[in-house]
Amino acid sequence: MEYENLKNALLSNVDMGLKYASTVDRNAEFELYLFYQQRTLVNITQGVVDAADGIVEGNAVRVAKQNRLSFASSSGISIERIKRSVNEAVASLRSVSIKDTRFKRFCEPKKPGKEGAFTDKILNLGKEELIEIANGMVKEAQDFDKRIHTVGSECAAEWGGFAVGNTLGLQQASRSAINRCEVYCIAVAGEERRTAWEADVTRERLIKTSGVGVEAARKAVNLLGAQKLNKTTVLPTIWSPVAAAAYVVAGLGQAASGEHVVEGRSPIADKLGKEVGNPKLTITDNGQSPSGVNTDAIDAEGHPQQKTTLIAKGELSQFVFDTYYAHIYGSESTGNCARHSRPFGSTLPYETSPSILPKNMEVEPGRKSLDDLIASIDGQAILIVDTPIGIFHSNVATGEFSAVAQSVFLVEKGEKKFPLQPVSVSGNFYAGLRQLLAVGDDLEKTIFAVETPTLIFDGFSIVG
């Protein structure tokens, strides 16, 4: 299937699928979701190259009747496969005895938003070129320092789209393309082994062909010679952009979900219009950012994606919704329906029932550089330069978290000192927003679909 014809092809099948569904049960409401993706993936592990390319495609059907709902899905987007899912969904509906009285209707037709920007060069990235890039990253890292003993890399190019239609008259589609790469290194000195990684993900240009391996190797080598903190204490923590991005997704990304708000799991559910963070903090979810990796014209149920301000100068402004929870809450959808698991989107979209997820979260930068932020520390602080392990296994209802930061440095009297052995960092996400000390100016796009600078929090417990 050609990229230029993708939307028309998907919408044509959506239209035929809905017409068939209406003949199966004229009194039911139907929603049809089609997904198509061309994917090329290259992985190098211990010198072994594994390369594959192919097509991922599938369909999902939701049917509603008299407050009863059912779901069915199957691989393939042909009319025959769509009919199979329709028939399975209708058959499943007959066995549903529990009514969902909160369900009102599927998404109503609205004017779509804009698709994200992309370079059509991504469409032509093949296995050979990705293998060359992956091998180049490995060689860069290996040549950087003789203490780099293990290097692995992965490159991917994906393009495709999805279409949504329902019996309320909605029929919309969106396309996107993305390419990404990452490399990890293990530096060894005696009995010490330190791991680091670097990544590049983008839709508006081709991934970097040089420098990524060097940066990963430099990070790993810089972590050698780590010392023990040897105490349990409370210290300011400096979260680099990638670590800060994980913090934002795991904390506010879940608490601001309309599902958690409506179901009583979000502790900020009653905080609209109230201060929940430092006045220096402004966070938006921008589903229309041209360069955002999750930008589409519509969300996974056909509602236009949009820009939503979550926190404005420390004040909670809005939650994010899909149609279902927006109806219950008495609001409107913000275009945040998704069909994949959080936070990485690893499951097949057509196999997953709709949920609510942020699209592209953006933290407004401050005016201080990382050097200025470090210089502002009078006593001691911990600098976290990578994603803490366990940060995503937090308790949404309470905000309590405990994670292990493996890539950390001691900051003392305004200077970055030396690497530390892994430390445990624990605290409360929401208290952290109020205890935010500073926001850096080093804005960075991350693999978590969050664009953020360095953030400094106070009040977290450190065990080393």
Protein backbone atom coordinates (compact mmCIF):
# COMPACT_ATOMS: atom_id res chain seq x y z
CA MET A 1 0.00 0.00 0.00
CA GLU A 2 1.34 3.46 -0.90
CA TYR A 3 1.56 6.20 1.72
CA GLU A 4 -0.31 8.72 -0.45
CA ASN A 5 -3.26 6.36 -0.95
CA LEU A 6 -3.32 4.98 2.58
CA LYS A 7 -6.12 7.10 4.03
CA ASN A 8 -8.44 6.57 1.07
CA ALA A 9 -7.86 2.82 1.14
CA LEU A 10 -8.54 2.57 4.87
CA LEU A 11 -11.63 4.78 4.71
CA SER A 12 -13.03 2.77 1.84
CA ASN A 13 -12.81 -0.41 3.91
CA VAL A 14 -14.28 1.38 6.92
CA ASP A 15 -17.26 2.48 4.86
CA MET A 16 -17.89 -1.03 3.50
CA GLY A 17 -17.40 -2.54 6.95
CA LEU A 18 -19.96 -0.23 8.53
CA LYS A 19 -22.48 -0.93 5.79
CA TYR A 20 -22.09 -4.63 6.43
CA ALA A 21 -22.42 -4.14 10.19
CA SER A 22 -25.73 -2.32 9.69
CA THR A 23 -27.12 -5.38 7.91
CA VAL A 24 -26.11 -7.62 10.81
CA ASP A 25 -27.94 -5.54 13.44
CA ARG A 26 -29.69 -2.34 12.41
CA ASN A 27 -30.53 -1.44 16.00
CA ALA A 28 -26.97 -1.48 17.29
CA GLU A 29 -24.27 1.18 17.18
CA PHE A 30 -20.97 0.13 15.63
CA GLU A 31 -17.44 1.54 15.75
CA LEU A 32 -14.75 0.25 13.41
CA TYR A 33 -10.99 0.82 13.81
CA LEU A 34 -8.44 -0.14 11.13
CA PHE A 35 -4.67 -0.06 11.64
CA TYR A 36 -1.90 -0.40 9.05
CA GLN A 37 1.85 -0.09 9.53
CA GLN A 38 4.98 -0.80 7.48
CA ARG A 39 7.81 -1.60 9.89
CA THR A 40 11.52 -2.24 9.41
CA LEU A 41 13.57 -3.21 12.47
CA VAL A 42 17.28 -3.93 12.88
CA ASN A 43 18.84 -5.19 16.12
CA ILE A 44 22.50 -5.89 16.84
CA THR A 45 23.24 -7.91 19.98
CA GLN A 46 26.71 -9.26 20.75
CA GLY A 47 27.69 -8.73 17.12
CA VAL A 48 24.73 -10.69 15.72
CA VAL A 49 22.52 -8.75 13.30
CA ASP A 50 18.80 -9.46 13.30
CA ALA A 51 16.84 -7.59 10.62
CA ALA A 52 13.21 -7.85 9.65
CA ASP A 53 10.59 -5.89 7.79
CA GLY A 54 6.92 -6.43 7.21
CA ILE A 55 3.39 -5.20 7.58
CA VAL A 56 1.30 -5.03 10.74
CA GLU A 57 -2.40 -4.62 10.10
CA GLY A 58 -5.61 -5.36 11.93
CA ASN A 59 -9.12 -4.27 12.80
CA ALA A 60 -11.21 -3.81 15.91
CA VAL A 61 -14.98 -3.55 16.29
CA ARG A 62 -16.99 -2.19 19.19
CA VAL A 63 -20.75 -2.64 19.24
CA ALA A 64 -23.25 -1.05 21.65
CA LYS A 65 -26.91 -1.82 22.16
CA GLN A 66 -29.20 -0.96 25.06
CA ASN A 67 -26.23 -0.06 27.27
CA ARG A 68 -24.46 -3.34 26.57
CA LEU A 69 -21.06 -3.29 24.86
CA SER A 70 -18.77 -5.85 23.29
CA PHE A 71 -15.41 -5.86 21.53
CA ALA A 72 -13.73 -8.06 18.92
CA SER A 73 -10.56 -7.80 16.85
CA SER A 74 -8.55 -9.72 14.29
CA SER A 75 -5.47 -9.28 12.14
CA GLY A 76 -5.97 -8.00 8.61
CA ILE A 77 -7.96 -5.12 7.16
CA SER A 78 -9.70 -6.90 4.27
CA ILE A 79 -13.47 -6.86 4.12
CA GLU A 80 -13.55 -10.56 5.00
CA ARG A 81 -11.51 -9.97 8.18
CA ILE A 82 -13.65 -6.97 9.11
CA LYS A 83 -16.83 -9.03 8.67
CA ARG A 84 -15.36 -11.70 10.93
CA SER A 85 -14.79 -9.16 13.71
CA VAL A 86 -18.26 -7.67 13.25
CA ASN A 87 -19.89 -11.09 13.55
CA GLU A 88 -17.78 -11.98 16.61
CA ALA A 89 -18.62 -8.68 18.31
CA VAL A 90 -22.35 -9.15 17.68
CA ALA A 91 -22.23 -12.74 18.91
CA SER A 92 -20.35 -11.64 22.00
CA LEU A 93 -22.91 -8.92 22.65
CA ARG A 94 -25.67 -11.52 22.94
CA SER A 95 -23.88 -13.05 25.91
CA VAL A 96 -23.34 -9.72 27.71
CA SER A 97 -25.78 -9.43 30.62
CA ILE A 98 -24.23 -6.52 32.51
CA LYS A 99 -25.30 -3.09 31.33
CA ASP A 100 -23.05 -0.04 31.36
CA THR A 101 -25.56 2.69 32.11
CA ARG A 102 -22.82 5.32 31.91
CA PHE A 103 -22.26 4.72 28.20
CA LYS A 104 -23.92 7.38 26.05
CA ARG A 105 -22.62 7.07 22.50
CA PHE A 106 -19.53 6.71 20.39
CA CYS A 107 -17.58 9.75 19.17
CA GLU A 108 -19.60 12.19 17.10
CA PRO A 109 -18.21 13.58 13.81
CA LYS A 110 -15.99 16.66 14.11
CA LYS A 111 -13.50 18.44 11.87
CA PRO A 112 -10.14 16.65 12.22
CA GLY A 113 -6.95 18.30 13.37
CA LYS A 114 -3.66 18.24 11.47
CA GLU A 115 -1.30 15.37 10.88
CA GLY A 116 2.23 15.78 12.21
CA ALA A 117 5.13 16.86 10.04
CA PHE A 118 7.38 14.15 8.59
CA THR A 119 10.09 13.62 6.02
CA ASP A 120 9.17 11.26 3.20
CA LYS A 121 12.74 9.93 3.35
CA ILE A 122 11.53 7.69 6.17
CA LEU A 123 9.36 5.85 3.65
CA ASN A 124 12.48 4.69 1.82
CA LEU A 125 14.54 3.51 4.80
CA GLY A 126 15.26 -0.18 4.27
CA LYS A 127 17.08 -2.94 6.12
CA GLU A 128 20.41 -2.26 4.45
CA GLU A 129 20.50 1.39 5.43
CA LEU A 130 19.34 0.69 8.99
CA ILE A 131 21.96 -2.06 9.36
CA GLU A 132 24.61 0.43 8.25
CA ILE A 133 23.42 2.97 10.83
CA ALA A 134 23.25 0.37 13.60
CA ASN A 135 26.74 -0.95 12.79
CA GLY A 136 28.06 2.60 12.72
CA MET A 137 26.74 3.30 16.21
CA VAL A 138 28.30 0.10 17.53
CA LYS A 139 31.68 0.91 15.99
CA GLU A 140 31.58 4.48 17.32
CA ALA A 141 31.01 3.24 20.84
CA GLN A 142 33.64 0.51 20.64
CA ASP A 143 36.26 2.92 19.27
CA PHE A 144 35.57 5.56 21.91
CA ASP A 145 37.29 3.82 24.81
CA LYS A 146 38.90 0.42 25.35
CA ARG A 147 36.85 0.03 28.53
CA ILE A 148 33.68 -0.34 26.44
CA HIS A 149 33.24 -4.12 26.32
CA THR A 150 29.63 -4.62 25.19
CA VAL A 151 27.60 -2.62 22.70
CA GLY A 152 24.14 -3.24 21.30
CA SER A 153 22.00 -1.13 19.00
CA GLU A 154 18.57 -1.00 17.45
CA CYS A 155 17.13 1.02 14.55
CA ALA A 156 13.58 1.16 13.26
CA ALA A 157 11.56 2.92 10.59
CA GLU A 158 7.78 2.84 10.70
CA TRP A 159 5.07 4.46 8.65
CA GLY A 160 1.36 3.89 8.36
CA GLY A 161 -1.94 5.10 9.64
CA PHE A 162 -5.33 4.25 11.04
CA ALA A 163 -8.96 4.98 10.28
CA VAL A 164 -12.01 5.16 12.52
CA GLY A 165 -15.68 5.09 11.58
CA ASN A 166 -18.96 4.62 13.38
CA THR A 167 -22.68 4.52 12.69
CA LEU A 168 -23.06 8.12 13.90
CA GLY A 169 -21.55 9.22 10.59
CA LEU A 170 -17.92 9.60 11.66
CA GLN A 171 -15.29 8.45 9.15
CA GLN A 172 -11.77 9.86 9.61
CA ALA A 173 -8.18 8.74 9.11
CA SER A 174 -4.66 9.88 9.92
CA ARG A 175 -1.12 8.97 8.79
CA SER A 176 2.29 9.24 10.41
CA ALA A 177 5.90 8.17 10.00
CA ILE A 178 8.73 7.85 12.50
CA ASN A 179 12.30 6.57 12.71
CA ARG A 180 14.30 5.85 15.82
CA CYS A 181 17.59 4.42 17.01
CA GLU A 182 19.16 3.58 20.33
CA VAL A 183 22.47 2.17 21.49
CA TYR A 184 23.53 0.80 24.87
CA CYS A 185 27.05 0.30 26.18
CA ILE A 186 28.66 -1.49 29.10
CA ALA A 187 31.90 -0.04 30.41
CA VAL A 188 34.08 -2.36 32.47
CA ALA A 189 36.91 -1.54 34.88
CA GLY A 190 38.00 -4.41 37.09
CA GLU A 191 34.88 -5.77 38.80
CA GLU A 192 32.86 -2.65 38.02
CA ARG A 193 30.35 -2.67 35.17
CA ARG A 194 28.43 0.48 34.23
CA THR A 195 25.68 0.71 31.62
CA ALA A 196 24.45 3.70 29.64
CA TRP A 197 22.38 4.33 26.55
CA GLU A 198 21.51 7.06 24.06
CA ALA A 199 18.61 7.35 21.63
CA ASP A 200 17.23 9.47 18.84
CA VAL A 201 13.59 9.45 17.78
CA THR A 202 12.07 11.79 15.22
CA ARG A 203 9.51 12.16 12.44
CA GLU A 204 10.69 15.37 10.77
CA ARG A 205 14.20 14.22 9.77
CA LEU A 206 16.23 11.05 9.46
CA ILE A 207 17.79 9.69 12.64
CA LYS A 208 21.36 10.67 13.43
CA THR A 209 23.97 8.56 11.69
CA SER A 210 26.85 9.60 13.95
CA GLY A 211 27.41 10.74 17.50
CA VAL A 212 24.81 8.56 19.18
CA GLY A 213 27.25 5.72 19.86
CA VAL A 214 29.90 8.13 21.10
CA GLU A 215 27.49 9.75 23.54
CA ALA A 216 26.35 6.39 24.94
CA ALA A 217 29.96 5.28 25.41
CA ARG A 218 30.91 8.59 27.05
CA LYS A 219 28.05 8.25 29.52
CA ALA A 220 29.05 4.69 30.44
CA VAL A 221 32.72 5.55 30.94
CA ASN A 222 31.85 8.63 33.02
CA LEU A 223 29.97 6.38 35.44
CA LEU A 224 33.08 4.29 36.23
CA GLY A 225 34.70 4.86 39.60
CA ALA A 226 31.37 5.16 41.35
CA GLN A 227 31.51 5.65 45.11
CA LYS A 228 29.02 4.73 47.81
CA LEU A 229 26.82 7.45 49.25
CA ASN A 230 26.81 5.49 52.51
CA LYS A 231 23.85 7.20 54.11
CA THR A 232 20.10 7.58 54.19
CA THR A 233 19.03 11.19 53.84
CA VAL A 234 16.74 13.72 52.21
CA LEU A 235 18.39 15.71 49.43
CA PRO A 236 17.45 17.83 46.43
CA THR A 237 17.38 15.70 43.27
CA ILE A 238 18.32 17.04 39.85
CA TRP A 239 16.47 15.13 37.12
CA SER A 240 18.00 15.36 33.64
CA PRO A 241 15.49 15.67 30.74
CA VAL A 242 15.09 11.94 30.15
CA ALA A 243 14.65 11.26 33.89
CA ALA A 244 12.30 14.25 34.25
CA ALA A 245 10.24 12.96 31.31
CA ALA A 246 9.73 9.63 33.05
CA TYR A 247 8.72 11.49 36.23
CA VAL A 248 6.14 13.59 34.36
CA VAL A 249 4.59 10.62 32.55
CA ALA A 250 4.48 8.35 35.59
CA GLY A 251 3.04 11.08 37.81
CA LEU A 252 0.91 13.72 36.11
CA GLY A 253 0.45 11.59 32.99
CA GLN A 254 -1.62 9.16 35.04
CA ALA A 255 -3.20 11.50 37.58
CA ALA A 256 -4.61 13.81 34.87
CA SER A 257 -6.33 10.93 33.06
CA GLY A 258 -10.10 11.34 33.01
CA GLU A 259 -10.48 7.65 33.77
CA HIS A 260 -8.57 7.92 37.05
CA VAL A 261 -10.41 11.14 37.87
CA VAL A 262 -13.89 9.68 37.31
CA GLU A 263 -13.12 6.35 38.98
CA GLY A 264 -11.77 8.10 42.08
CA ARG A 265 -8.16 6.98 41.70
CA SER A 266 -6.62 10.41 41.11
CA PRO A 267 -5.74 12.46 44.21
CA ILE A 268 -5.91 15.67 42.14
CA ALA A 269 -9.49 15.02 40.98
CA ASP A 270 -10.82 17.86 43.15
CA LYS A 271 -7.94 20.26 42.51
CA LEU A 272 -9.09 22.02 39.31
CA GLY A 273 -8.31 25.71 39.58
CA LYS A 274 -6.10 25.11 42.61
CA GLU A 275 -2.35 25.20 43.03
CA VAL A 276 -0.80 21.76 42.65
CA GLY A 277 2.76 22.78 41.75
CA ASN A 278 5.38 25.48 41.90
CA PRO A 279 4.33 28.63 39.97
CA LYS A 280 7.38 28.01 37.76
CA LEU A 281 5.67 24.89 36.39
CA THR A 282 3.56 24.86 33.20
CA ILE A 283 2.78 21.58 31.45
CA THR A 284 0.66 21.05 28.34
CA ASP A 285 -0.35 17.99 26.37
CA ASN A 286 -0.01 18.94 22.72
CA GLY A 287 -1.62 16.45 20.36
CA GLN A 288 -1.07 18.92 17.53
CA SER A 289 2.67 19.53 17.94
CA PRO A 290 4.06 19.23 14.38
CA SER A 291 7.14 17.35 15.60
CA GLY A 292 5.42 15.31 18.33
CA VAL A 293 5.84 11.57 17.86
CA ASN A 294 2.20 10.96 18.84
CA THR A 295 0.68 13.75 16.76
CA ASP A 296 -2.24 12.71 14.57
CA ALA A 297 -5.23 14.42 13.01
CA ILE A 298 -7.54 12.31 15.18
CA ASP A 299 -7.28 10.13 18.25
CA ALA A 300 -8.08 6.42 18.37
CA GLU A 301 -11.86 6.94 18.36
CA GLY A 302 -11.93 9.69 15.72
CA HIS A 303 -11.98 12.85 17.85
CA PRO A 304 -9.62 15.63 16.70
CA GLN A 305 -6.41 15.81 18.72
CA GLN A 306 -5.75 19.15 20.40
CA LYS A 307 -3.52 21.09 22.77
CA THR A 308 -4.60 20.92 26.40
CA THR A 309 -3.02 22.87 29.25
CA LEU A 310 -2.74 20.60 32.28
CA ILE A 311 -0.89 22.88 34.69
CA ALA A 312 -0.53 26.63 34.16
CA LYS A 313 1.98 28.37 36.46
CA GLY A 314 1.41 25.76 39.13
CA GLU A 315 -2.39 25.74 38.87
CA LEU A 316 -4.29 22.64 37.69
CA SER A 317 -6.16 23.65 34.55
CA GLN A 318 -7.65 20.58 32.91
CA PHE A 319 -7.78 16.80 32.69
CA VAL A 320 -7.56 14.71 29.52
CA PHE A 321 -10.55 12.68 28.31
CA ASP A 322 -11.89 10.33 25.72
CA THR A 323 -15.59 10.43 24.78
CA TYR A 324 -16.73 7.83 27.33
CA TYR A 325 -15.26 9.45 30.43
CA ALA A 326 -15.93 12.97 29.17
CA HIS A 327 -19.65 12.16 29.06
CA ILE A 328 -19.58 10.83 32.61
CA TYR A 329 -17.61 13.82 33.89
CA GLY A 330 -19.84 16.31 32.08
CA SER A 331 -17.10 17.56 29.82
CA GLU A 332 -15.90 17.06 26.24
CA SER A 333 -13.23 14.78 24.86
CA THR A 334 -9.78 16.33 24.62
CA GLY A 335 -8.74 13.93 21.86
CA ASN A 336 -6.76 11.63 24.16
CA CYS A 337 -8.21 8.25 23.28
CA ALA A 338 -5.45 5.69 22.66
CA ARG A 339 -5.21 2.00 21.85
CA HIS A 340 -1.89 0.90 23.28
CA SER A 341 -0.31 0.24 26.64
CA ARG A 342 1.44 2.93 28.69
CA PRO A 343 3.97 4.36 28.47
CA PHE A 344 5.63 2.86 25.39
CA GLY A 345 2.78 1.68 23.19
CA SER A 346 4.16 -1.85 22.89
CA THR A 347 0.91 -3.74 22.26
CA LEU A 348 -0.83 -4.03 18.91
CA PRO A 349 -3.36 -1.17 18.79
CA TYR A 350 -6.18 -3.16 17.21
CA GLU A 351 -5.99 -5.78 19.97
CA THR A 352 -6.44 -3.21 22.72
CA SER A 353 -9.68 -1.56 23.81
CA PRO A 354 -9.60 2.25 24.07
CA SER A 355 -7.94 3.98 27.01
CA ILE A 356 -6.85 7.53 27.87
CA LEU A 357 -3.23 8.60 27.45
CA PRO A 358 -1.37 11.89 27.02
CA LYS A 359 -0.11 12.50 23.48
CA ASN A 360 2.92 14.83 23.57
CA MET A 361 3.54 16.37 26.98
CA GLU A 362 5.52 19.61 27.04
CA VAL A 363 7.12 21.26 30.08
CA GLU A 364 7.72 24.99 29.66
CA PRO A 365 11.46 25.66 30.05
CA GLY A 366 13.02 28.06 32.55
CA ARG A 367 15.99 30.35 32.02
CA LYS A 368 18.85 28.59 33.82
CA SER A 369 21.35 26.24 32.20
CA LEU A 370 22.28 22.92 33.78
CA ASP A 371 25.57 24.46 34.95
CA ASP A 372 23.65 27.31 36.60
CA LEU A 373 21.29 24.83 38.29
CA ILE A 374 24.20 22.83 39.66
CA ALA A 375 25.95 26.01 40.80
CA SER A 376 22.81 26.97 42.75
CA ILE A 377 23.18 23.94 45.08
CA ASP A 378 24.66 25.09 48.40
CA GLY A 379 24.98 21.72 50.11
CA GLN A 380 24.60 18.29 48.50
CA ALA A 381 22.25 17.01 45.80
CA ILE A 382 21.85 13.96 43.58
CA LEU A 383 22.04 14.35 39.79
CA ILE A 384 20.01 11.64 37.99
CA VAL A 385 21.06 11.27 34.36
CA ASP A 386 18.93 8.30 33.26
CA THR A 387 15.49 6.76 33.82
CA PRO A 388 15.23 5.35 37.38
CA ILE A 389 14.22 1.69 37.41
CA GLY A 390 10.71 1.20 38.81
CA ILE A 391 9.52 4.78 38.25
CA PHE A 392 6.54 3.49 36.24
CA HIS A 393 5.47 1.04 38.95
CA SER A 394 4.04 3.75 41.14
CA ASN A 395 0.74 4.03 42.96
CA VAL A 396 -1.57 6.37 41.01
CA ALA A 397 -3.98 6.79 43.90
CA THR A 398 -1.38 7.93 46.42
CA GLY A 399 1.45 9.17 44.21
CA GLU A 400 3.98 7.26 46.26
CA PHE A 401 6.97 5.98 44.30
CA SER A 402 10.25 4.21 44.97
CA ALA A 403 12.80 3.74 42.21
CA VAL A 404 16.45 2.86 41.78
CA ALA A 405 18.60 5.46 40.03
CA GLN A 406 21.57 3.65 38.51
CA SER A 407 23.17 6.59 36.69
CA VAL A 408 23.75 9.25 39.33
CA PHE A 409 26.33 11.80 40.42
CA LEU A 410 26.94 13.63 43.66
CA VAL A 411 26.61 17.41 43.48
CA GLU A 412 28.23 19.31 46.31
CA LYS A 413 28.67 23.04 46.93
CA GLY A 414 27.72 23.97 43.39
CA GLU A 415 29.93 21.39 41.65
CA LYS A 416 29.33 18.03 40.00
CA LYS A 417 31.67 15.72 41.89
CA PHE A 418 31.81 11.99 41.10
CA PRO A 419 29.51 9.13 40.08
CA LEU A 420 27.67 7.24 42.78
CA GLN A 421 26.72 3.62 43.05
CA PRO A 422 22.96 3.10 42.53
CA VAL A 423 20.74 4.86 45.04
CA SER A 424 17.10 4.45 45.92
CA VAL A 425 14.92 7.53 45.41
CA SER A 426 11.47 7.62 46.98
CA GLY A 427 8.78 10.17 47.61
CA ASN A 428 5.46 11.40 46.29
CA PHE A 429 4.90 12.59 42.72
CA TYR A 430 2.35 15.23 43.66
CA ALA A 431 4.27 16.56 46.63
CA GLY A 432 7.25 16.79 44.29
CA LEU A 433 5.38 19.16 41.98
CA ARG A 434 4.83 21.51 44.92
CA GLN A 435 8.43 21.10 46.06
CA LEU A 436 9.87 21.90 42.65
CA LEU A 437 12.92 24.11 43.14
CA ALA A 438 13.95 25.00 39.60
CA VAL A 439 13.28 24.45 35.90
CA GLY A 440 16.18 24.41 33.44
CA ASP A 441 16.42 25.76 29.90
CA ASP A 442 17.83 22.57 28.33
CA LEU A 443 14.62 21.50 26.59
CA GLU A 444 14.87 18.00 25.09
CA LYS A 445 12.52 15.65 23.25
CA THR A 446 12.58 12.18 24.78
CA ILE A 447 11.49 8.67 23.90
CA PHE A 448 8.56 9.04 26.32
CA ALA A 449 6.87 11.60 24.04
CA VAL A 450 7.66 14.27 26.63
CA GLU A 451 9.62 17.44 25.86
CA THR A 452 11.14 18.75 29.06
CA PRO A 453 14.19 20.47 30.52
CA THR A 454 16.03 19.48 33.69
CA LEU A 455 13.89 19.67 36.84
CA ILE A 456 15.07 19.97 40.47
CA PHE A 457 12.88 18.63 43.27
CA ASP A 458 13.29 18.80 47.02
CA GLY A 459 12.13 16.46 49.76
CA PHE A 460 12.79 12.99 48.30
CA SER A 461 14.44 10.30 50.40
CA ILE A 462 17.77 8.94 49.21
CA VAL A 463 19.19 5.61 50.31
CA GLY A 464 22.70 4.73 49.14
